[in-house]
């Protein structure tokens, strides 16, 4: 499936398999559709921001409340 900005996220798929849904404060629903080399552990997600790389770098690391919707 295609990457969708602010909906696609990368996660540690040994813990959160592809298709897992989370609700992320400030973003809404995100779905695990990718893995990331630095995304390790159960408490890290990397949300895709398709708008631009500079926007993603400007946003940096954020800490948000996250709820598991469906695994």
N, C-alpha and C. Protein backbone atom coordinates (compact mmCIF):
# COMPACT_ATOMS: atom_id res chain seq x y z
N UNK A 1 0.83 -1.20 0.00
CA UNK A 1 0.00 0.00 0.00
C UNK A 1 0.87 1.25 0.00
N UNK A 2 0.37 2.33 -0.53
CA UNK A 2 1.16 3.56 -0.58
C UNK A 2 1.30 4.21 0.79
N UNK A 3 2.39 4.92 0.96
CA UNK A 3 2.62 5.69 2.19
C UNK A 3 1.67 6.88 2.20
N UNK A 4 1.08 7.13 3.35
CA UNK A 4 0.14 8.24 3.51
C UNK A 4 0.66 9.12 4.64
N UNK A 5 0.95 10.38 4.33
CA UNK A 5 1.48 11.30 5.33
C UNK A 5 0.59 11.40 6.55
N UNK A 6 1.22 11.39 7.72
CA UNK A 6 0.55 11.47 9.02
C UNK A 6 -0.40 10.30 9.26
N UNK A 7 -0.28 9.23 8.47
CA UNK A 7 -1.06 8.01 8.72
C UNK A 7 -0.16 6.79 8.77
N UNK A 8 0.92 6.80 8.01
CA UNK A 8 1.85 5.68 7.97
C UNK A 8 2.90 5.88 9.06
N UNK A 9 3.22 4.79 9.77
CA UNK A 9 4.31 4.88 10.74
C UNK A 9 5.20 3.66 10.64
N UNK A 10 6.42 3.84 11.09
CA UNK A 10 7.37 2.74 11.20
C UNK A 10 7.42 2.34 12.67
N UNK A 11 7.57 1.03 12.91
CA UNK A 11 7.65 0.52 14.27
C UNK A 11 8.54 -0.72 14.27
N UNK A 12 8.86 -1.19 15.44
CA UNK A 12 9.60 -2.44 15.59
C UNK A 12 8.62 -3.57 15.31
N UNK A 13 8.69 -4.16 14.13
CA UNK A 13 7.69 -5.15 13.72
C UNK A 13 7.86 -6.49 14.43
N UNK A 14 8.91 -6.66 15.22
CA UNK A 14 9.00 -7.87 16.04
C UNK A 14 8.05 -7.75 17.24
N UNK A 15 7.60 -6.52 17.52
CA UNK A 15 6.65 -6.27 18.61
C UNK A 15 5.29 -5.86 18.06
N UNK A 16 5.30 -4.93 17.11
CA UNK A 16 4.07 -4.40 16.51
C UNK A 16 4.04 -4.80 15.04
N UNK A 17 3.27 -5.82 14.68
CA UNK A 17 3.25 -6.28 13.29
C UNK A 17 2.63 -5.26 12.34
N UNK A 18 2.94 -5.43 11.05
CA UNK A 18 2.32 -4.59 10.03
C UNK A 18 0.80 -4.61 10.21
N UNK A 19 0.18 -3.44 10.06
CA UNK A 19 -1.27 -3.34 10.19
C UNK A 19 -1.72 -2.92 11.58
N UNK A 20 -0.82 -2.92 12.57
CA UNK A 20 -1.19 -2.48 13.91
C UNK A 20 -1.61 -1.02 13.85
N UNK A 21 -2.70 -0.70 14.53
CA UNK A 21 -3.23 0.68 14.55
C UNK A 21 -3.02 1.30 15.92
N UNK A 22 -2.58 2.54 15.90
CA UNK A 22 -2.42 3.33 17.11
C UNK A 22 -3.17 4.64 16.94
N UNK A 23 -3.64 5.20 18.05
CA UNK A 23 -4.14 6.56 18.05
C UNK A 23 -3.05 7.41 18.71
N UNK A 24 -2.52 8.39 17.99
CA UNK A 24 -1.45 9.25 18.48
C UNK A 24 -2.00 10.65 18.68
N UNK A 25 -1.85 11.14 19.90
CA UNK A 25 -2.30 12.49 20.24
C UNK A 25 -1.72 13.50 19.25
N UNK A 26 -2.58 14.29 18.64
CA UNK A 26 -2.15 15.32 17.71
C UNK A 26 -2.05 14.84 16.26
N UNK A 27 -2.13 13.54 16.03
CA UNK A 27 -2.07 12.99 14.67
C UNK A 27 -3.31 12.20 14.30
N UNK A 28 -3.91 11.52 15.26
CA UNK A 28 -5.03 10.64 14.99
C UNK A 28 -4.54 9.22 14.77
N UNK A 29 -5.25 8.49 13.92
CA UNK A 29 -4.91 7.09 13.67
C UNK A 29 -3.67 6.97 12.80
N UNK A 30 -2.75 6.10 13.20
CA UNK A 30 -1.59 5.76 12.39
C UNK A 30 -1.50 4.24 12.32
N UNK A 31 -0.96 3.76 11.20
CA UNK A 31 -0.86 2.32 10.96
C UNK A 31 0.59 1.94 10.71
N UNK A 32 1.01 0.84 11.32
CA UNK A 32 2.36 0.34 11.08
C UNK A 32 2.42 -0.21 9.66
N UNK A 33 3.20 0.46 8.80
CA UNK A 33 3.34 0.05 7.41
C UNK A 33 4.80 0.00 6.99
N UNK A 34 5.71 0.17 7.96
CA UNK A 34 7.13 0.26 7.64
C UNK A 34 7.94 -0.12 8.87
N UNK A 35 9.21 -0.44 8.63
CA UNK A 35 10.16 -0.62 9.73
C UNK A 35 11.19 0.49 9.61
N UNK A 36 11.81 0.78 10.69
CA UNK A 36 12.86 1.78 10.67
C UNK A 36 14.09 1.22 11.35
N UNK A 37 15.25 1.47 10.80
CA UNK A 37 16.47 0.94 11.37
C UNK A 37 16.70 1.36 12.81
N UNK A 38 16.30 2.58 13.16
CA UNK A 38 16.51 3.08 14.52
C UNK A 38 15.26 2.95 15.39
N UNK A 39 14.19 2.39 14.84
CA UNK A 39 12.94 2.26 15.58
C UNK A 39 12.95 0.89 16.25
N UNK A 40 13.44 0.86 17.48
CA UNK A 40 13.55 -0.39 18.24
C UNK A 40 12.82 -0.25 19.55
N UNK A 41 12.12 -1.29 19.94
CA UNK A 41 11.41 -1.30 21.22
C UNK A 41 9.94 -1.00 21.07
N UNK A 42 9.23 -1.21 22.16
CA UNK A 42 7.77 -1.08 22.13
C UNK A 42 7.28 0.35 22.28
N UNK A 43 8.16 1.27 22.61
CA UNK A 43 7.71 2.64 22.89
C UNK A 43 8.20 3.66 21.86
N UNK A 44 8.48 3.22 20.63
CA UNK A 44 8.95 4.14 19.59
C UNK A 44 8.16 3.95 18.31
N UNK A 45 7.74 5.05 17.73
CA UNK A 45 7.11 5.07 16.41
C UNK A 45 7.76 6.18 15.61
N UNK A 46 7.80 6.02 14.31
CA UNK A 46 8.29 7.06 13.42
C UNK A 46 7.18 7.37 12.43
N UNK A 47 6.52 8.49 12.61
CA UNK A 47 5.37 8.85 11.78
C UNK A 47 5.87 9.55 10.52
N UNK A 48 5.39 9.08 9.38
CA UNK A 48 5.79 9.63 8.09
C UNK A 48 5.13 11.00 7.89
N UNK A 49 5.97 11.99 7.56
CA UNK A 49 5.47 13.32 7.21
C UNK A 49 5.86 13.57 5.77
N UNK A 50 4.97 13.29 4.85
CA UNK A 50 5.27 13.35 3.42
C UNK A 50 5.48 14.77 2.93
N UNK A 51 4.99 15.75 3.64
CA UNK A 51 5.04 17.11 3.13
C UNK A 51 6.45 17.53 2.74
N UNK A 52 7.44 17.28 3.62
CA UNK A 52 8.82 17.59 3.25
C UNK A 52 9.78 17.08 4.32
N UNK A 53 11.00 16.82 3.89
CA UNK A 53 12.03 16.38 4.83
C UNK A 53 12.35 17.52 5.81
N UNK A 54 12.38 18.74 5.32
CA UNK A 54 12.71 19.87 6.20
C UNK A 54 11.65 20.03 7.30
N UNK A 55 10.39 19.78 6.97
CA UNK A 55 9.32 19.85 7.97
C UNK A 55 9.52 18.78 9.03
N UNK A 56 9.90 17.57 8.60
CA UNK A 56 10.13 16.47 9.53
C UNK A 56 11.30 16.80 10.45
N UNK A 57 12.38 17.34 9.89
CA UNK A 57 13.54 17.69 10.70
C UNK A 57 13.22 18.83 11.67
N UNK A 58 12.41 19.77 11.21
CA UNK A 58 11.99 20.89 12.05
C UNK A 58 11.16 20.38 13.22
N UNK A 59 10.31 19.39 12.97
CA UNK A 59 9.46 18.84 14.01
C UNK A 59 10.29 18.07 15.05
N UNK A 60 11.32 17.37 14.59
CA UNK A 60 12.22 16.66 15.51
C UNK A 60 11.54 15.53 16.26
N UNK A 61 12.06 15.24 17.42
CA UNK A 61 11.51 14.18 18.27
C UNK A 61 10.43 14.78 19.14
N UNK A 62 9.30 14.09 19.19
CA UNK A 62 8.17 14.51 20.02
C UNK A 62 7.76 13.37 20.92
N UNK A 63 7.24 13.71 22.06
CA UNK A 63 6.69 12.72 22.98
C UNK A 63 5.19 12.97 23.04
N UNK A 64 4.43 11.94 22.70
CA UNK A 64 2.96 12.06 22.64
C UNK A 64 2.32 10.90 23.39
N UNK A 65 1.09 11.10 23.82
CA UNK A 65 0.30 9.99 24.34
C UNK A 65 -0.13 9.13 23.16
N UNK A 66 -0.01 7.82 23.34
CA UNK A 66 -0.33 6.87 22.27
C UNK A 66 -1.19 5.76 22.85
N UNK A 67 -2.25 5.38 22.11
CA UNK A 67 -3.11 4.29 22.51
C UNK A 67 -3.12 3.23 21.43
N UNK A 68 -3.00 1.97 21.84
CA UNK A 68 -3.12 0.85 20.93
C UNK A 68 -4.59 0.68 20.57
N UNK A 69 -4.90 0.67 19.28
CA UNK A 69 -6.28 0.51 18.83
C UNK A 69 -6.52 -0.94 18.43
N UNK A 70 -5.60 -1.51 17.63
CA UNK A 70 -5.79 -2.88 17.15
C UNK A 70 -4.45 -3.46 16.78
N UNK A 71 -4.20 -4.68 17.24
CA UNK A 71 -2.95 -5.37 16.92
C UNK A 71 -3.26 -6.58 16.08
